[in-house]
PDB file of N, CA and C in Angstrom:
ATOM      1  N   MET A   1       1.040  -1.129   0.157  1.00  0.00           N
ATOM      2  CA  MET A   1      -0.221   0.227   0.350  1.00  0.00           C
ATOM      3  C   MET A   1       0.967   0.992   0.027  1.00  0.00           C
ATOM      4  N   ILE A   2       0.446   2.192  -1.049  1.00  0.00           N
ATOM      5  CA  ILE A   2       1.373   3.860  -0.875  1.00  0.00           C
ATOM      6  C   ILE A   2       1.016   4.636   0.023  1.00  0.00           C
ATOM      7  N   HIS A   3       1.054   5.109   0.686  1.00  0.00           N
ATOM      8  CA  HIS A   3       0.613   6.061   1.486  1.00  0.00           C
ATOM      9  C   HIS A   3       0.447   7.311   0.909  1.00  0.00           C
ATOM     10  N   ASP A   4      -0.334   8.342   1.620  1.00  0.00           N
ATOM     11  CA  ASP A   4      -0.404   9.244   1.009  1.00  0.00           C
ATOM     12  C   ASP A   4       0.007  10.473   1.773  1.00  0.00           C
ATOM     13  N   VAL A   5       0.509  11.219   0.990  1.00  0.00           N
ATOM     14  CA  VAL A   5       1.576  12.800   2.000  1.00  0.00           C
ATOM     15  C   VAL A   5       0.245  13.290   2.557  1.00  0.00           C
ATOM     16  N   VAL A   6       0.081  13.935   3.651  1.00  0.00           N
ATOM     17  CA  VAL A   6      -1.284  14.652   3.902  1.00  0.00           C
ATOM     18  C   VAL A   6      -0.220  15.966   4.525  1.00  0.00           C
ATOM     19  N   GLU A   7       0.713  16.263   4.780  1.00  0.00           N
ATOM     20  CA  GLU A   7       1.415  17.232   5.609  1.00  0.00           C
ATOM     21  C   GLU A   7       2.783  17.336   5.167  1.00  0.00           C
ATOM     22  N   ALA A   8       3.177  18.816   4.955  1.00  0.00           N
ATOM     23  CA  ALA A   8       4.547  18.750   4.372  1.00  0.00           C
ATOM     24  C   ALA A   8       5.315  20.179   5.034  1.00  0.00           C
ATOM     25  N   VAL A   9       6.129  19.646   5.853  1.00  0.00           N
ATOM     26  CA  VAL A   9       6.842  21.210   6.370  1.00  0.00           C
ATOM     27  C   VAL A   9       7.991  21.555   6.056  1.00  0.00           C
ATOM     28  N   TYR A  10       8.605  22.735   5.453  1.00  0.00           N
ATOM     29  CA  TYR A  10       9.796  23.345   5.165  1.00  0.00           C
ATOM     30  C   TYR A  10      10.779  23.212   6.084  1.00  0.00           C
ATOM     31  N   ARG A  11      12.363  22.372   6.114  1.00  0.00           N
ATOM     32  CA  ARG A  11      12.688  22.640   6.812  1.00  0.00           C
ATOM     33  C   ARG A  11      13.993  23.214   7.043  1.00  0.00           C
ATOM     34  N   GLY A  12      14.429  23.669   6.004  1.00  0.00           N
ATOM     35  CA  GLY A  12      15.518  24.341   5.691  1.00  0.00           C
ATOM     36  C   GLY A  12      16.014  24.099   4.532  1.00  0.00           C
ATOM     37  N   GLY A  13      17.320  24.416   3.779  1.00  0.00           N
ATOM     38  CA  GLY A  13      18.101  23.722   2.721  1.00  0.00           C
ATOM     39  C   GLY A  13      16.915  23.774   1.798  1.00  0.00           C
ATOM     40  N   TYR A  14      17.362  22.408   1.073  1.00  0.00           N
ATOM     41  CA  TYR A  14      16.528  21.250   0.506  1.00  0.00           C
ATOM     42  C   TYR A  14      15.885  19.940   1.398  1.00  0.00           C
ATOM     43  N   ARG A  15      15.450  20.450   2.550  1.00  0.00           N
ATOM     44  CA  ARG A  15      14.869  19.827   3.486  1.00  0.00           C
ATOM     45  C   ARG A  15      13.101  19.809   3.428  1.00  0.00           C
ATOM     46  N   ILE A  16      12.623  18.582   3.529  1.00  0.00           N
ATOM     47  CA  ILE A  16      11.112  19.265   3.829  1.00  0.00           C
ATOM     48  C   ILE A  16      10.810  17.609   4.687  1.00  0.00           C
ATOM     49  N   GLU A  17      10.067  17.685   6.013  1.00  0.00           N
ATOM     50  CA  GLU A  17       9.332  17.123   6.549  1.00  0.00           C
ATOM     51  C   GLU A  17       7.960  16.609   5.895  1.00  0.00           C
ATOM     52  N   VAL A  18       7.808  15.407   5.541  1.00  0.00           N
ATOM     53  CA  VAL A  18       6.687  14.961   5.255  1.00  0.00           C
ATOM     54  C   VAL A  18       5.766  14.161   6.039  1.00  0.00           C
ATOM     55  N   VAL A  19       4.410  14.366   6.204  1.00  0.00           N
ATOM     56  CA  VAL A  19       3.685  13.562   7.007  1.00  0.00           C
ATOM     57  C   VAL A  19       3.043  12.264   6.348  1.00  0.00           C
ATOM     58  N   PHE A  20       2.767  11.219   6.766  1.00  0.00           N
ATOM     59  CA  PHE A  20       2.047  10.739   5.721  1.00  0.00           C
ATOM     60  C   PHE A  20       0.131  10.261   6.173  1.00  0.00           C
ATOM     61  N   ASP A  21      -0.105   9.043   5.752  1.00  0.00           N
ATOM     62  CA  ASP A  21      -1.646   9.154   6.204  1.00  0.00           C
ATOM     63  C   ASP A  21      -2.068   8.171   7.386  1.00  0.00           C
ATOM     64  N   ASN A  22      -0.814   7.382   7.438  1.00  0.00           N
ATOM     65  CA  ASN A  22      -0.544   6.705   8.631  1.00  0.00           C
ATOM     66  C   ASN A  22      -0.074   6.798   9.643  1.00  0.00           C
ATOM     67  N   GLY A  23       0.633   8.181  10.146  1.00  0.00           N
ATOM     68  CA  GLY A  23       0.990   8.395  11.165  1.00  0.00           C
ATOM     69  C   GLY A  23       2.325   8.831  10.867  1.00  0.00           C
ATOM     70  N   ARG A  24       3.266   7.942   9.984  1.00  0.00           N
ATOM     71  CA  ARG A  24       4.780   7.777   9.521  1.00  0.00           C
ATOM     72  C   ARG A  24       5.324   9.344   9.232  1.00  0.00           C
ATOM     73  N   SER A  25       6.209   9.220   9.540  1.00  0.00           N
ATOM     74  CA  SER A  25       7.201  10.966   9.013  1.00  0.00           C
ATOM     75  C   SER A  25       7.867  11.097   8.791  1.00  0.00           C
ATOM     76  N   GLY A  26       8.881  11.939   8.260  1.00  0.00           N
ATOM     77  CA  GLY A  26      10.412  11.722   8.098  1.00  0.00           C
ATOM     78  C   GLY A  26      11.188  13.297   7.255  1.00  0.00           C
ATOM     79  N   VAL A  27      12.376  13.439   7.696  1.00  0.00           N
ATOM     80  CA  VAL A  27      12.648  14.670   6.509  1.00  0.00           C
ATOM     81  C   VAL A  27      12.819  13.914   5.058  1.00  0.00           C
ATOM     82  N   VAL A  28      12.929  14.544   4.627  1.00  0.00           N
ATOM     83  CA  VAL A  28      13.419  14.175   2.757  1.00  0.00           C
ATOM     84  C   VAL A  28      14.635  15.128   2.401  1.00  0.00           C
ATOM     85  N   ASP A  29      15.511  14.994   2.094  1.00  0.00           N
ATOM     86  CA  ASP A  29      16.704  15.970   1.188  1.00  0.00           C
ATOM     87  C   ASP A  29      16.680  15.916   0.239  1.00  0.00           C
ATOM     88  N   PHE A  30      15.921  16.973  -0.654  1.00  0.00           N
ATOM     89  CA  PHE A  30      15.736  16.481  -1.947  1.00  0.00           C
ATOM     90  C   PHE A  30      17.628  17.199  -2.564  1.00  0.00           C
ATOM     91  N   SER A  31      18.419  17.750  -2.157  1.00  0.00           N
ATOM     92  CA  SER A  31      19.430  18.223  -2.511  1.00  0.00           C
ATOM     93  C   SER A  31      19.995  17.082  -3.656  1.00  0.00           C
ATOM     94  N   PRO A  32      19.823  15.603  -3.460  1.00  0.00           N
ATOM     95  CA  PRO A  32      20.818  15.094  -4.688  1.00  0.00           C
ATOM     96  C   PRO A  32      19.288  15.144  -5.949  1.00  0.00           C
ATOM     97  N   TYR A  33      17.944  15.560  -6.045  1.00  0.00           N
ATOM     98  CA  TYR A  33      17.732  15.775  -7.101  1.00  0.00           C
ATOM     99  C   TYR A  33      18.266  16.922  -7.654  1.00  0.00           C
ATOM    100  N   LEU A  34      19.061  18.019  -7.297  1.00  0.00           N
ATOM    101  CA  LEU A  34      19.411  18.773  -8.134  1.00  0.00           C
ATOM    102  C   LEU A  34      20.720  17.976  -9.328  1.00  0.00           C
ATOM    103  N   GLU A  35      20.896  17.150  -8.732  1.00  0.00           N
ATOM    104  CA  GLU A  35      22.116  16.659  -9.810  1.00  0.00           C
ATOM    105  C   GLU A  35      21.295  15.834 -10.890  1.00  0.00           C
ATOM    106  N   ARG A  36      20.008  15.642 -10.979  1.00  0.00           N
ATOM    107  CA  ARG A  36      19.264  14.873 -11.474  1.00  0.00           C
ATOM    108  C   ARG A  36      18.852  15.055 -12.798  1.00  0.00           C
ATOM    109  N   GLY A  37      18.868  16.732 -12.578  1.00  0.00           N
ATOM    110  CA  GLY A  37      18.544  17.289 -14.244  1.00  0.00           C
ATOM    111  C   GLY A  37      17.471  17.605 -14.317  1.00  0.00           C
ATOM    112  N   GLY A  38      16.703  17.708 -15.824  1.00  0.00           N
ATOM    113  CA  GLY A  38      15.336  17.469 -16.571  1.00  0.00           C
ATOM    114  C   GLY A  38      14.593  18.523 -15.518  1.00  0.00           C
ATOM    115  N   ILE A  39      13.191  17.647 -15.308  1.00  0.00           N
ATOM    116  CA  ILE A  39      12.278  18.599 -14.024  1.00  0.00           C
ATOM    117  C   ILE A  39      12.677  19.082 -13.207  1.00  0.00           C
ATOM    118  N   PHE A  40      13.710  18.428 -12.379  1.00  0.00           N
ATOM    119  CA  PHE A  40      14.107  18.978 -11.463  1.00  0.00           C
ATOM    120  C   PHE A  40      15.219  20.264 -11.367  1.00  0.00           C
ATOM    121  N   GLU A  41      15.575  20.366 -12.383  1.00  0.00           N
ATOM    122  CA  GLU A  41      16.225  21.772 -12.318  1.00  0.00           C
ATOM    123  C   GLU A  41      15.945  22.771 -11.781  1.00  0.00           C
ATOM    124  N   ARG A  42      14.244  22.915 -11.859  1.00  0.00           N
ATOM    125  CA  ARG A  42      13.670  24.106 -11.250  1.00  0.00           C
ATOM    126  C   ARG A  42      14.454  24.263  -9.769  1.00  0.00           C
ATOM    127  N   PHE A  43      14.606  23.058  -9.085  1.00  0.00           N
ATOM    128  CA  PHE A  43      14.587  22.957  -7.700  1.00  0.00           C
ATOM    129  C   PHE A  43      16.182  24.081  -7.630  1.00  0.00           C
ATOM    130  N   HIS A  44      16.505  24.543  -8.406  1.00  0.00           N
ATOM    131  CA  HIS A  44      18.313  25.238  -8.369  1.00  0.00           C
ATOM    132  C   HIS A  44      17.488  26.831  -7.856  1.00  0.00           C
ATOM    133  N   ASP A  45      16.282  26.569  -8.145  1.00  0.00           N
ATOM    134  CA  ASP A  45      15.592  28.638  -7.789  1.00  0.00           C
ATOM    135  C   ASP A  45      15.024  27.966  -6.231  1.00  0.00           C
ATOM    136  N   MET A  46      15.648  28.219  -5.589  1.00  0.00           N
ATOM    137  CA  MET A  46      15.185  28.020  -4.227  1.00  0.00           C
ATOM    138  C   MET A  46      14.298  28.746  -3.923  1.00  0.00           C
ATOM    139  N   LYS A  47      13.410  29.851  -4.514  1.00  0.00           N
ATOM    140  CA  LYS A  47      11.614  30.517  -4.685  1.00  0.00           C
ATOM    141  C   LYS A  47      11.104  29.701  -5.036  1.00  0.00           C
ATOM    142  N   PHE A  48      11.265  28.404  -6.041  1.00  0.00           N
ATOM    143  CA  PHE A  48      10.489  27.903  -6.934  1.00  0.00           C
ATOM    144  C   PHE A  48      10.554  26.729  -4.930  1.00  0.00           C
ATOM    145  N   PHE A  49      11.308  26.209  -4.960  1.00  0.00           N
ATOM    146  CA  PHE A  49      11.650  24.906  -4.731  1.00  0.00           C
ATOM    147  C   PHE A  49      10.701  25.185  -3.397  1.00  0.00           C
ATOM    148  N   ARG A  50      10.846  26.304  -2.487  1.00  0.00           N
ATOM    149  CA  ARG A  50       9.795  26.348  -1.008  1.00  0.00           C
ATOM    150  C   ARG A  50       8.654  26.897  -1.354  1.00  0.00           C
ATOM    151  N   LYS A  51       8.186  26.818  -2.355  1.00  0.00           N
ATOM    152  CA  LYS A  51       6.568  27.074  -3.240  1.00  0.00           C
ATOM    153  C   LYS A  51       5.932  25.317  -3.354  1.00  0.00           C
ATOM    154  N   PHE A  52       6.478  24.516  -2.894  1.00  0.00           N
ATOM    155  CA  PHE A  52       5.774  23.144  -2.735  1.00  0.00           C
ATOM    156  C   PHE A  52       4.085  22.926  -2.026  1.00  0.00           C
ATOM    157  N   GLU A  53       3.554  22.248  -2.680  1.00  0.00           N
ATOM    158  CA  GLU A  53       1.925  22.447  -2.014  1.00  0.00           C
ATOM    159  C   GLU A  53       2.049  20.567  -1.983  1.00  0.00           C
ATOM    160  N   ILE A  54       0.513  20.436  -1.548  1.00  0.00           N
ATOM    161  CA  ILE A  54       0.360  18.708  -1.290  1.00  0.00           C
ATOM    162  C   ILE A  54      -1.388  18.755  -2.320  1.00  0.00           C
ATOM    163  N   ASN A  55      -1.210  18.106  -3.227  1.00  0.00           N
ATOM    164  CA  ASN A  55      -2.186  17.940  -4.180  1.00  0.00           C
ATOM    165  C   ASN A  55      -3.080  16.536  -3.356  1.00  0.00           C
ATOM    166  N   THR A  56      -3.861  16.941  -2.699  1.00  0.00           N
ATOM    167  CA  THR A  56      -4.449  16.195  -1.382  1.00  0.00           C
ATOM    168  C   THR A  56      -5.553  15.075  -2.383  1.00  0.00           C
ATOM    169  N   GLU A  57      -6.042  15.271  -3.912  1.00  0.00           N
ATOM    170  CA  GLU A  57      -6.577  14.377  -4.675  1.00  0.00           C
ATOM    171  C   GLU A  57      -5.810  13.187  -4.810  1.00  0.00           C
ATOM    172  N   LEU A  58      -4.719  13.319  -5.214  1.00  0.00           N
ATOM    173  CA  LEU A  58      -3.802  12.596  -5.242  1.00  0.00           C
ATOM    174  C   LEU A  58      -2.692  12.109  -4.297  1.00  0.00           C
ATOM    175  N   GLY A  59      -2.888  13.239  -3.147  1.00  0.00           N
ATOM    176  CA  GLY A  59      -1.875  12.631  -1.986  1.00  0.00           C
ATOM    177  C   GLY A  59       0.066  12.551  -2.698  1.00  0.00           C
ATOM    178  N   VAL A  60      -0.114  13.438  -3.079  1.00  0.00           N
ATOM    179  CA  VAL A  60       1.826  13.942  -4.055  1.00  0.00           C
ATOM    180  C   VAL A  60       1.776  15.128  -3.185  1.00  0.00           C
ATOM    181  N   LEU A  61       2.768  15.263  -3.061  1.00  0.00           N
ATOM    182  CA  LEU A  61       4.218  16.757  -3.269  1.00  0.00           C
ATOM    183  C   LEU A  61       4.086  17.063  -4.118  1.00  0.00           C
ATOM    184  N   THR A  62       3.470  17.967  -4.920  1.00  0.00           N
ATOM    185  CA  THR A  62       4.356  19.012  -5.910  1.00  0.00           C
ATOM    186  C   THR A  62       4.704  20.685  -5.845  1.00  0.00           C
ATOM    187  N   TRP A  63       4.905  20.292  -7.134  1.00  0.00           N
ATOM    188  CA  TRP A  63       5.426  22.149  -6.973  1.00  0.00           C
ATOM    189  C   TRP A  63       4.339  22.848  -8.413  1.00  0.00           C
ATOM    190  N   GLY A  64       3.590  23.487  -8.031  1.00  0.00           N
ATOM    191  CA  GLY A  64       2.808  23.444  -9.184  1.00  0.00           C
ATOM    192  C   GLY A  64       2.309  22.265 -10.143  1.00  0.00           C
ATOM    193  N   ASP A  65       2.006  23.012 -11.661  1.00  0.00           N
ATOM    194  CA  ASP A  65       1.976  21.689 -12.588  1.00  0.00           C
ATOM    195  C   ASP A  65       2.997  21.399 -13.110  1.00  0.00           C
ATOM    196  N   GLU A  66       4.288  21.632 -13.114  1.00  0.00           N
ATOM    197  CA  GLU A  66       5.413  21.625 -13.192  1.00  0.00           C
ATOM    198  C   GLU A  66       6.392  20.101 -13.045  1.00  0.00           C
ATOM    199  N   VAL A  67       5.982  20.177 -11.300  1.00  0.00           N
ATOM    200  CA  VAL A  67       7.227  18.832 -10.546  1.00  0.00           C
ATOM    201  C   VAL A  67       6.245  18.293  -9.418  1.00  0.00           C
ATOM    202  N   ASP A  68       6.457  16.845  -9.393  1.00  0.00           N
ATOM    203  CA  ASP A  68       6.031  16.338  -8.173  1.00  0.00           C
ATOM    204  C   ASP A  68       6.804  14.667  -8.127  1.00  0.00           C
ATOM    205  N   VAL A  69       6.533  14.687  -6.913  1.00  0.00           N
ATOM    206  CA  VAL A  69       6.995  13.180  -6.751  1.00  0.00           C
ATOM    207  C   VAL A  69       6.260  12.292  -5.755  1.00  0.00           C
ATOM    208  N   ALA A  70       6.460  11.003  -6.391  1.00  0.00           N
ATOM    209  CA  ALA A  70       5.539   9.855  -6.254  1.00  0.00           C
ATOM    210  C   ALA A  70       5.495  10.102  -4.357  1.00  0.00           C
ATOM    211  N   PRO A  71       4.227   9.422  -4.156  1.00  0.00           N
ATOM    212  CA  PRO A  71       4.458   9.305  -2.389  1.00  0.00           C
ATOM    213  C   PRO A  71       5.400   8.300  -2.073  1.00  0.00           C
ATOM    214  N   GLY A  72       5.266   6.998  -3.161  1.00  0.00           N
ATOM    215  CA  GLY A  72       5.582   5.815  -2.647  1.00  0.00           C
ATOM    216  C   GLY A  72       7.605   6.254  -2.211  1.00  0.00           C
ATOM    217  N   THR A  73       8.078   7.110  -3.751  1.00  0.00           N
ATOM    218  CA  THR A  73       9.263   7.125  -3.610  1.00  0.00           C
ATOM    219  C   THR A  73       9.726   8.279  -2.162  1.00  0.00           C
ATOM    220  N   LEU A  74       8.916   8.793  -1.821  1.00  0.00           N
ATOM    221  CA  LEU A  74       9.043  10.011  -0.434  1.00  0.00           C
ATOM    222  C   LEU A  74       8.648   9.428   0.460  1.00  0.00           C
ATOM    223  N   TYR A  75       7.804   8.115   0.245  1.00  0.00           N
ATOM    224  CA  TYR A  75       7.537   7.110   1.735  1.00  0.00           C
ATOM    225  C   TYR A  75       9.367   6.737   2.038  1.00  0.00           C
ATOM    226  N   VAL A  76       9.906   6.155   0.927  1.00  0.00           N
ATOM    227  CA  VAL A  76      10.834   5.249   1.231  1.00  0.00           C
ATOM    228  C   VAL A  76      11.863   6.419   1.368  1.00  0.00           C
ATOM    229  N   GLU A  77      12.345   7.634   0.941  1.00  0.00           N
ATOM    230  CA  GLU A  77      12.870   8.284   1.491  1.00  0.00           C
ATOM    231  C   GLU A  77      12.990   8.644   2.909  1.00  0.00           C
ATOM    232  N   ALA A  78      11.586   8.955   3.477  1.00  0.00           N
ATOM    233  CA  ALA A  78      11.314   9.610   4.427  1.00  0.00           C
ATOM    234  C   ALA A  78      11.543   8.443   5.692  1.00  0.00           C
ATOM    235  N   THR A  79      11.057   7.591   5.498  1.00  0.00           N
ATOM    236  CA  THR A  79      10.507   6.564   6.598  1.00  0.00           C
ATOM    237  C   THR A  79      12.381   5.503   6.726  1.00  0.00           C
ATOM    238  N   GLY A  80      12.892   5.066   5.281  1.00  0.00           N
ATOM    239  CA  GLY A  80      13.392   4.538   5.337  1.00  0.00           C
ATOM    240  C   GLY A  80      13.335   2.882   5.547  1.00  0.00           C
ATOM    241  N   GLU A  81      11.990   2.567   4.948  1.00  0.00           N
ATOM    242  CA  GLU A  81      11.183   1.534   4.721  1.00  0.00           C
ATOM    243  C   GLU A  81      11.279   1.209   3.123  1.00  0.00           C
ATOM    244  N   PRO A  82      11.594  -0.032   2.739  1.00  0.00           N
ATOM    245  CA  PRO A  82      11.844  -0.331   1.612  1.00  0.00           C
ATOM    246  C   PRO A  82      10.561  -0.150   1.006  1.00  0.00           C
ATOM    247  N   LEU A  83      10.154  -0.509  -0.514  1.00  0.00           N
ATOM    248  CA  LEU A  83       9.307  -0.086  -1.460  1.00  0.00           C
ATOM    249  C   LEU A  83       8.612  -1.771  -1.107  1.00  0.00           C
ATOM    250  N   PRO A  84       7.443  -1.627  -1.090  1.00  0.00           N
ATOM    251  CA  PRO A  84       6.180  -3.113  -1.091  1.00  0.00           C
ATOM    252  C   PRO A  84       6.981  -4.236  -2.303  1.00  0.00           C
ATOM    253  N   ALA A  85       7.009  -5.070  -2.187  1.00  0.00           N
ATOM    254  CA  ALA A  85       7.406  -5.860  -3.451  1.00  0.00           C
ATOM    255  C   ALA A  85       6.732  -5.892  -4.642  1.00  0.00           C
ATOM    256  N   TRP A  86       6.061  -5.331  -4.687  1.00  0.00           N
ATOM    257  CA  TRP A  86       4.856  -5.319  -5.585  1.00  0.00           C
ATOM    258  C   TRP A  86       5.562  -4.252  -6.597  1.00  0.00           C
ATOM    259  N   MET A  87       5.945  -3.184  -6.148  1.00  0.00           N
ATOM    260  CA  MET A  87       6.359  -2.568  -6.484  1.00  0.00           C
ATOM    261  C   MET A  87       8.352  -2.393  -6.861  1.00  0.00           C
ATOM    262  N   THR A  88       8.917  -3.211  -7.004  1.00  0.00           N
ATOM    263  CA  THR A  88      10.254  -3.548  -7.158  1.00  0.00           C
ATOM    264  C   THR A  88      10.450  -4.232  -8.131  1.00  0.00           C
ATOM    265  N   PRO A  89      10.659  -3.050  -8.741  1.00  0.00           N
ATOM    266  CA  PRO A  89      11.571  -3.585 -10.272  1.00  0.00           C
ATOM    267  C   PRO A  89      12.191  -5.249 -10.221  1.00  0.00           C
ATOM    268  N   GLU A  90      11.776  -6.263 -11.118  1.00  0.00           N
ATOM    269  CA  GLU A  90      12.758  -7.684 -11.211  1.00  0.00           C
ATOM    270  C   GLU A  90      13.980  -6.961 -12.345  1.00  0.00           C
ATOM    271  N   PRO A  91      14.504  -8.025 -11.760  1.00  0.00           N
ATOM    272  CA  PRO A  91      16.038  -7.685 -12.171  1.00  0.00           C
ATOM    273  C   PRO A  91      16.032  -8.318 -13.988  1.00  0.00           C
ATOM    274  N   ALA A  92      16.375  -7.481 -14.822  1.00  0.00           N
ATOM    275  CA  ALA A  92      16.250  -8.111 -16.425  1.00  0.00           C
ATOM    276  C   ALA A  92      17.161  -9.354 -16.388  1.00  0.00           C
ATOM    277  N   LEU A  93      16.401  -9.731 -17.234  1.00  0.00           N
ATOM    278  CA  LEU A  93      17.398 -11.139 -17.833  1.00  0.00           C
ATOM    279  C   LEU A  93      18.604 -10.632 -18.483  1.00  0.00           C
ATOM    280  N   THR A  94      19.511 -11.277 -18.445  1.00  0.00           N
ATOM    281  CA  THR A  94      20.728 -11.549 -19.538  1.00  0.00           C
ATOM    282  C   THR A  94      20.106 -12.470 -20.580  1.00  0.00           C
ATOM    283  N   GLU A  95      21.034 -11.962 -21.339  1.00  0.00           N
ATOM    284  CA  GLU A  95      20.526 -12.668 -23.000  1.00  0.00           C
ATOM    285  C   GLU A  95      21.198 -14.590 -22.013  1.00  0.00           C
ATOM    286  N   HIS A  96      22.282 -14.077 -21.672  1.00  0.00           N
ATOM    287  CA  HIS A  96      22.559 -16.089 -21.211  1.00  0.00           C
ATOM    288  C   HIS A  96      21.358 -16.774 -20.468  1.00  0.00           C
ATOM    289  N   GLU A  97      20.728 -15.652 -19.613  1.00  0.00           N
ATOM    290  CA  GLU A  97      19.434 -16.448 -18.768  1.00  0.00           C
ATOM    291  C   GLU A  97      18.592 -16.408 -19.688  1.00  0.00           C
ATOM    292  N   SER A  98      18.271 -15.875 -20.755  1.00  0.00           N
ATOM    293  CA  SER A  98      17.166 -16.239 -21.589  1.00  0.00           C
ATOM    294  C   SER A  98      16.969 -17.285 -22.420  1.00  0.00           C
TER     295      SER A  98
END
């Protein structure tokens, strides 16, 4: 089960504390996202980064209509718990194994 984000609080730098619908919470450091490029390039603008909100319909942390981070990803990063087995990708078969 993926838990929705129900609260988010800015904690300085690129850190946001997120609270989930099951009561679990933790701080996510978004600074590694800066290196990913693409849509996360916008995070270099701290004013943009600090304008996050929660899409309550989807339970997702968003930055306008431009950037969002899946609640499953946030849950793993905030709590340290692994993804549920059904969300863990199976390793690809190598040519030798197929």
